[in-house]
Amino acid sequence: MVLVDVNDQSQIIGVEYIGVKQFGIEVFMRLLRERVKNLFGVELTDEEVGSFMLFLKTPEAELALAS
């Protein structure tokens, strides 16, 4: 599940992801792209998706996923 937090101007200010370990990163990235496009009409670039992928490999992300 991907939850996207937005501010009053409909700008993305946060993304929460649940179940990424169960479904795998590829599925998560596809779902993230679909959700952002459906909600905001914005297609994430490969660089933006890559940025999420890099973050998921950080110790901070691993700590967040462990709980």
PDB file of N, CA and C in Angstrom:
ATOM      1  N   MET A   1       0.852  -1.161   0.000  1.00  0.00           N
ATOM      2  CA  MET A   1       0.000   0.000   0.000  1.00  0.00           C
ATOM      3  C   MET A   1       0.902   1.229   0.000  1.00  0.00           C
ATOM      4  N   VAL A   2       0.513   2.219  -0.790  1.00  0.00           N
ATOM      5  CA  VAL A   2       1.250   3.471  -0.858  1.00  0.00           C
ATOM      6  C   VAL A   2       0.309   4.593  -0.448  1.00  0.00           C
ATOM      7  N   LEU A   3       0.723   5.378   0.522  1.00  0.00           N
ATOM      8  CA  LEU A   3      -0.043   6.533   0.960  1.00  0.00           C
ATOM      9  C   LEU A   3       0.764   7.775   0.625  1.00  0.00           C
ATOM     10  N   VAL A   4       0.129   8.728  -0.047  1.00  0.00           N
ATOM     11  CA  VAL A   4       0.806   9.951  -0.430  1.00  0.00           C
ATOM     12  C   VAL A   4       0.174  11.101   0.335  1.00  0.00           C
ATOM     13  N   ASP A   5       0.998  11.851   1.070  1.00  0.00           N
ATOM     14  CA  ASP A   5       0.528  13.019   1.804  1.00  0.00           C
ATOM     15  C   ASP A   5       0.743  14.259   0.943  1.00  0.00           C
ATOM     16  N   VAL A   6      -0.272  15.112   0.899  1.00  0.00           N
ATOM     17  CA  VAL A   6      -0.169  16.340   0.111  1.00  0.00           C
ATOM     18  C   VAL A   6      -0.511  17.541   0.990  1.00  0.00           C
ATOM     19  N   ASN A   7      -0.038  18.718   0.557  1.00  0.00           N
ATOM     20  CA  ASN A   7      -0.371  19.940   1.275  1.00  0.00           C
ATOM     21  C   ASN A   7      -1.574  20.606   0.601  1.00  0.00           C
ATOM     22  N   ASP A   8      -1.920  21.813   1.029  1.00  0.00           N
ATOM     23  CA  ASP A   8      -3.087  22.516   0.489  1.00  0.00           C
ATOM     24  C   ASP A   8      -2.967  22.830  -0.999  1.00  0.00           C
ATOM     25  N   GLN A   9      -1.733  22.854  -1.516  1.00  0.00           N
ATOM     26  CA  GLN A   9      -1.501  23.136  -2.939  1.00  0.00           C
ATOM     27  C   GLN A   9      -1.380  21.859  -3.767  1.00  0.00           C
ATOM     28  N   SER A  10      -1.760  20.735  -3.177  1.00  0.00           N
ATOM     29  CA  SER A  10      -1.693  19.414  -3.826  1.00  0.00           C
ATOM     30  C   SER A  10      -0.267  19.015  -4.189  1.00  0.00           C
ATOM     31  N   GLN A  11       0.700  19.506  -3.431  1.00  0.00           N
ATOM     32  CA  GLN A  11       2.087  19.114  -3.636  1.00  0.00           C
ATOM     33  C   GLN A  11       2.389  17.930  -2.721  1.00  0.00           C
ATOM     34  N   ILE A  12       3.125  16.971  -3.239  1.00  0.00           N
ATOM     35  CA  ILE A  12       3.476  15.800  -2.446  1.00  0.00           C
ATOM     36  C   ILE A  12       4.468  16.221  -1.373  1.00  0.00           C
ATOM     37  N   ILE A  13       4.131  15.926  -0.121  1.00  0.00           N
ATOM     38  CA  ILE A  13       5.024  16.260   0.981  1.00  0.00           C
ATOM     39  C   ILE A  13       5.486  15.017   1.736  1.00  0.00           C
ATOM     40  N   GLY A  14       4.942  13.874   1.382  1.00  0.00           N
ATOM     41  CA  GLY A  14       5.361  12.644   2.029  1.00  0.00           C
ATOM     42  C   GLY A  14       4.784  11.427   1.344  1.00  0.00           C
ATOM     43  N   VAL A  15       5.522  10.341   1.421  1.00  0.00           N
ATOM     44  CA  VAL A  15       5.067   9.072   0.864  1.00  0.00           C
ATOM     45  C   VAL A  15       5.294   8.011   1.927  1.00  0.00           C
ATOM     46  N   GLU A  16       4.250   7.272   2.228  1.00  0.00           N
ATOM     47  CA  GLU A  16       4.355   6.162   3.167  1.00  0.00           C
ATOM     48  C   GLU A  16       4.101   4.880   2.383  1.00  0.00           C
ATOM     49  N   TYR A  17       4.892   3.889   2.653  1.00  0.00           N
ATOM     50  CA  TYR A  17       4.719   2.621   1.965  1.00  0.00           C
ATOM     51  C   TYR A  17       4.639   1.503   2.986  1.00  0.00           C
ATOM     52  N   ILE A  18       3.699   0.624   2.744  1.00  0.00           N
ATOM     53  CA  ILE A  18       3.462  -0.489   3.653  1.00  0.00           C
ATOM     54  C   ILE A  18       3.466  -1.769   2.818  1.00  0.00           C
ATOM     55  N   GLY A  19       4.204  -2.751   3.252  1.00  0.00           N
ATOM     56  CA  GLY A  19       4.207  -4.035   2.570  1.00  0.00           C
ATOM     57  C   GLY A  19       5.248  -4.177   1.481  1.00  0.00           C
ATOM     58  N   VAL A  20       6.197  -3.224   1.393  1.00  0.00           N
ATOM     59  CA  VAL A  20       7.183  -3.307   0.323  1.00  0.00           C
ATOM     60  C   VAL A  20       8.018  -4.581   0.431  1.00  0.00           C
ATOM     61  N   LYS A  21       8.287  -5.037   1.643  1.00  0.00           N
ATOM     62  CA  LYS A  21       9.052  -6.272   1.798  1.00  0.00           C
ATOM     63  C   LYS A  21       8.265  -7.482   1.297  1.00  0.00           C
ATOM     64  N   GLN A  22       6.963  -7.457   1.480  1.00  0.00           N
ATOM     65  CA  GLN A  22       6.140  -8.599   1.085  1.00  0.00           C
ATOM     66  C   GLN A  22       5.975  -8.687  -0.426  1.00  0.00           C
ATOM     67  N   PHE A  23       5.898  -7.545  -1.110  1.00  0.00           N
ATOM     68  CA  PHE A  23       5.599  -7.538  -2.535  1.00  0.00           C
ATOM     69  C   PHE A  23       6.817  -7.307  -3.409  1.00  0.00           C
ATOM     70  N   GLY A  24       7.877  -6.778  -2.870  1.00  0.00           N
ATOM     71  CA  GLY A  24       9.079  -6.507  -3.648  1.00  0.00           C
ATOM     72  C   GLY A  24       9.122  -5.070  -4.137  1.00  0.00           C
ATOM     73  N   ILE A  25      10.320  -4.599  -4.376  1.00  0.00           N
ATOM     74  CA  ILE A  25      10.522  -3.206  -4.763  1.00  0.00           C
ATOM     75  C   ILE A  25       9.935  -2.910  -6.138  1.00  0.00           C
ATOM     76  N   GLU A  26      10.040  -3.835  -7.087  1.00  0.00           N
ATOM     77  CA  GLU A  26       9.523  -3.580  -8.435  1.00  0.00           C
ATOM     78  C   GLU A  26       8.017  -3.331  -8.403  1.00  0.00           C
ATOM     79  N   VAL A  27       7.308  -4.157  -7.655  1.00  0.00           N
ATOM     80  CA  VAL A  27       5.857  -3.974  -7.530  1.00  0.00           C
ATOM     81  C   VAL A  27       5.563  -2.654  -6.829  1.00  0.00           C
ATOM     82  N   PHE A  28       6.323  -2.351  -5.777  1.00  0.00           N
ATOM     83  CA  PHE A  28       6.128  -1.096  -5.073  1.00  0.00           C
ATOM     84  C   PHE A  28       6.306   0.095  -6.011  1.00  0.00           C
ATOM     85  N   MET A  29       7.366   0.078  -6.816  1.00  0.00           N
ATOM     86  CA  MET A  29       7.625   1.190  -7.737  1.00  0.00           C
ATOM     87  C   MET A  29       6.500   1.331  -8.764  1.00  0.00           C
ATOM     88  N   ARG A  30       6.008   0.226  -9.278  1.00  0.00           N
ATOM     89  CA  ARG A  30       4.909   0.286 -10.240  1.00  0.00           C
ATOM     90  C   ARG A  30       3.664   0.867  -9.586  1.00  0.00           C
ATOM     91  N   LEU A  31       3.362   0.403  -8.381  1.00  0.00           N
ATOM     92  CA  LEU A  31       2.191   0.916  -7.676  1.00  0.00           C
ATOM     93  C   LEU A  31       2.343   2.396  -7.326  1.00  0.00           C
ATOM     94  N   LEU A  32       3.545   2.787  -6.939  1.00  0.00           N
ATOM     95  CA  LEU A  32       3.794   4.195  -6.634  1.00  0.00           C
ATOM     96  C   LEU A  32       3.558   5.068  -7.862  1.00  0.00           C
ATOM     97  N   ARG A  33       4.109   4.643  -8.990  1.00  0.00           N
ATOM     98  CA  ARG A  33       3.907   5.410 -10.235  1.00  0.00           C
ATOM     99  C   ARG A  33       2.417   5.510 -10.577  1.00  0.00           C
ATOM    100  N   GLU A  34       1.721   4.393 -10.491  1.00  0.00           N
ATOM    101  CA  GLU A  34       0.292   4.385 -10.821  1.00  0.00           C
ATOM    102  C   GLU A  34      -0.497   5.293  -9.885  1.00  0.00           C
ATOM    103  N   ARG A  35      -0.210   5.209  -8.587  1.00  0.00           N
ATOM    104  CA  ARG A  35      -0.958   5.992  -7.606  1.00  0.00           C
ATOM    105  C   ARG A  35      -0.727   7.489  -7.800  1.00  0.00           C
ATOM    106  N   VAL A  36       0.514   7.885  -7.995  1.00  0.00           N
ATOM    107  CA  VAL A  36       0.819   9.309  -8.192  1.00  0.00           C
ATOM    108  C   VAL A  36       0.156   9.811  -9.462  1.00  0.00           C
ATOM    109  N   LYS A  37       0.190   9.005 -10.517  1.00  0.00           N
ATOM    110  CA  LYS A  37      -0.441   9.417 -11.780  1.00  0.00           C
ATOM    111  C   LYS A  37      -1.948   9.530 -11.617  1.00  0.00           C
ATOM    112  N   ASN A  38      -2.571   8.543 -10.959  1.00  0.00           N
ATOM    113  CA  ASN A  38      -4.024   8.569 -10.786  1.00  0.00           C
ATOM    114  C   ASN A  38      -4.490   9.710  -9.894  1.00  0.00           C
ATOM    115  N   LEU A  39      -3.766   9.957  -8.822  1.00  0.00           N
ATOM    116  CA  LEU A  39      -4.179  10.988  -7.872  1.00  0.00           C
ATOM    117  C   LEU A  39      -3.877  12.408  -8.351  1.00  0.00           C
ATOM    118  N   PHE A  40      -2.712  12.572  -8.987  1.00  0.00           N
ATOM    119  CA  PHE A  40      -2.250  13.920  -9.289  1.00  0.00           C
ATOM    120  C   PHE A  40      -2.035  14.194 -10.771  1.00  0.00           C
ATOM    121  N   GLY A  41      -2.186  13.170 -11.599  1.00  0.00           N
ATOM    122  CA  GLY A  41      -1.957  13.355 -13.022  1.00  0.00           C
ATOM    123  C   GLY A  41      -0.500  13.609 -13.358  1.00  0.00           C
ATOM    124  N   VAL A  42       0.391  13.180 -12.468  1.00  0.00           N
ATOM    125  CA  VAL A  42       1.825  13.409 -12.641  1.00  0.00           C
ATOM    126  C   VAL A  42       2.507  12.069 -12.854  1.00  0.00           C
ATOM    127  N   GLU A  43       3.322  12.008 -13.899  1.00  0.00           N
ATOM    128  CA  GLU A  43       4.095  10.794 -14.118  1.00  0.00           C
ATOM    129  C   GLU A  43       5.480  10.990 -13.533  1.00  0.00           C
ATOM    130  N   LEU A  44       5.868  10.082 -12.650  1.00  0.00           N
ATOM    131  CA  LEU A  44       7.200  10.157 -12.069  1.00  0.00           C
ATOM    132  C   LEU A  44       8.230   9.801 -13.128  1.00  0.00           C
ATOM    133  N   THR A  45       9.324  10.547 -13.146  1.00  0.00           N
ATOM    134  CA  THR A  45      10.405  10.262 -14.082  1.00  0.00           C
ATOM    135  C   THR A  45      11.209   9.071 -13.585  1.00  0.00           C
ATOM    136  N   ASP A  46      12.025   8.536 -14.457  1.00  0.00           N
ATOM    137  CA  ASP A  46      12.905   7.444 -14.055  1.00  0.00           C
ATOM    138  C   ASP A  46      13.838   7.898 -12.937  1.00  0.00           C
ATOM    139  N   GLU A  47      14.278   9.181 -12.985  1.00  0.00           N
ATOM    140  CA  GLU A  47      15.156   9.705 -11.940  1.00  0.00           C
ATOM    141  C   GLU A  47      14.439   9.742 -10.592  1.00  0.00           C
ATOM    142  N   GLU A  48      13.170  10.142 -10.595  1.00  0.00           N
ATOM    143  CA  GLU A  48      12.411  10.190  -9.346  1.00  0.00           C
ATOM    144  C   GLU A  48      12.195   8.797  -8.782  1.00  0.00           C
ATOM    145  N   VAL A  49      11.858   7.868  -9.644  1.00  0.00           N
ATOM    146  CA  VAL A  49      11.688   6.485  -9.193  1.00  0.00           C
ATOM    147  C   VAL A  49      13.027   5.940  -8.704  1.00  0.00           C
ATOM    148  N   GLY A  50      14.090   6.269  -9.415  1.00  0.00           N
ATOM    149  CA  GLY A  50      15.423   5.843  -8.996  1.00  0.00           C
ATOM    150  C   GLY A  50      15.799   6.400  -7.636  1.00  0.00           C
ATOM    151  N   SER A  51      15.370   7.628  -7.385  1.00  0.00           N
ATOM    152  CA  SER A  51      15.620   8.254  -6.087  1.00  0.00           C
ATOM    153  C   SER A  51      14.957   7.465  -4.967  1.00  0.00           C
ATOM    154  N   PHE A  52      13.718   7.038  -5.196  1.00  0.00           N
ATOM    155  CA  PHE A  52      13.033   6.200  -4.209  1.00  0.00           C
ATOM    156  C   PHE A  52      13.768   4.877  -4.030  1.00  0.00           C
ATOM    157  N   MET A  53      14.222   4.306  -5.137  1.00  0.00           N
ATOM    158  CA  MET A  53      14.936   3.032  -5.065  1.00  0.00           C
ATOM    159  C   MET A  53      16.203   3.176  -4.233  1.00  0.00           C
ATOM    160  N   LEU A  54      16.946   4.269  -4.454  1.00  0.00           N
ATOM    161  CA  LEU A  54      18.163   4.493  -3.685  1.00  0.00           C
ATOM    162  C   LEU A  54      17.850   4.673  -2.208  1.00  0.00           C
ATOM    163  N   PHE A  55      16.794   5.411  -1.916  1.00  0.00           N
ATOM    164  CA  PHE A  55      16.419   5.611  -0.522  1.00  0.00           C
ATOM    165  C   PHE A  55      16.092   4.286   0.149  1.00  0.00           C
ATOM    166  N   LEU A  56      15.400   3.411  -0.565  1.00  0.00           N
ATOM    167  CA  LEU A  56      15.007   2.135   0.034  1.00  0.00           C
ATOM    168  C   LEU A  56      16.209   1.283   0.429  1.00  0.00           C
ATOM    169  N   LYS A  57      17.374   1.597  -0.115  1.00  0.00           N
ATOM    170  CA  LYS A  57      18.576   0.829   0.198  1.00  0.00           C
ATOM    171  C   LYS A  57      19.399   1.467   1.311  1.00  0.00           C
ATOM    172  N   THR A  58      18.924   2.559   1.887  1.00  0.00           N
ATOM    173  CA  THR A  58      19.661   3.247   2.945  1.00  0.00           C
ATOM    174  C   THR A  58      19.375   2.607   4.302  1.00  0.00           C
ATOM    175  N   PRO A  59      20.280   2.819   5.258  1.00  0.00           N
ATOM    176  CA  PRO A  59      20.034   2.310   6.611  1.00  0.00           C
ATOM    177  C   PRO A  59      18.760   2.893   7.225  1.00  0.00           C
ATOM    178  N   GLU A  60      18.452   4.152   6.896  1.00  0.00           N
ATOM    179  CA  GLU A  60      17.241   4.774   7.431  1.00  0.00           C
ATOM    180  C   GLU A  60      15.985   4.052   6.943  1.00  0.00           C
ATOM    181  N   ALA A  61      15.974   3.690   5.676  1.00  0.00           N
ATOM    182  CA  ALA A  61      14.825   2.965   5.135  1.00  0.00           C
ATOM    183  C   ALA A  61      14.737   1.576   5.738  1.00  0.00           C
ATOM    184  N   GLU A  62      15.868   0.921   5.874  1.00  0.00           N
ATOM    185  CA  GLU A  62      15.854  -0.417   6.472  1.00  0.00           C
ATOM    186  C   GLU A  62      15.347  -0.371   7.906  1.00  0.00           C
ATOM    187  N   LEU A  63      15.730   0.663   8.639  1.00  0.00           N
ATOM    188  CA  LEU A  63      15.239   0.827  10.004  1.00  0.00           C
ATOM    189  C   LEU A  63      13.735   1.041  10.008  1.00  0.00           C
ATOM    190  N   ALA A  64      13.263   1.872   9.101  1.00  0.00           N
ATOM    191  CA  ALA A  64      11.817   2.143   9.022  1.00  0.00           C
ATOM    192  C   ALA A  64      11.055   0.883   8.628  1.00  0.00           C
ATOM    193  N   LEU A  65      11.610   0.098   7.728  1.00  0.00           N
ATOM    194  CA  LEU A  65      10.934  -1.123   7.276  1.00  0.00           C
ATOM    195  C   LEU A  65      10.957  -2.223   8.323  1.00  0.00           C
ATOM    196  N   ALA A  66      11.904  -2.148   9.247  1.00  0.00           N
ATOM    197  CA  ALA A  66      12.028  -3.190  10.263  1.00  0.00           C
ATOM    198  C   ALA A  66      10.920  -3.122  11.303  1.00  0.00           C
ATOM    199  N   SER A  67      10.292  -1.951  11.432  1.00  0.00           N
ATOM    200  CA  SER A  67       9.265  -1.831  12.479  1.00  0.00           C
ATOM    201  C   SER A  67       7.888  -2.162  11.986  1.00  0.00           C
TER     202      SER A  67
END
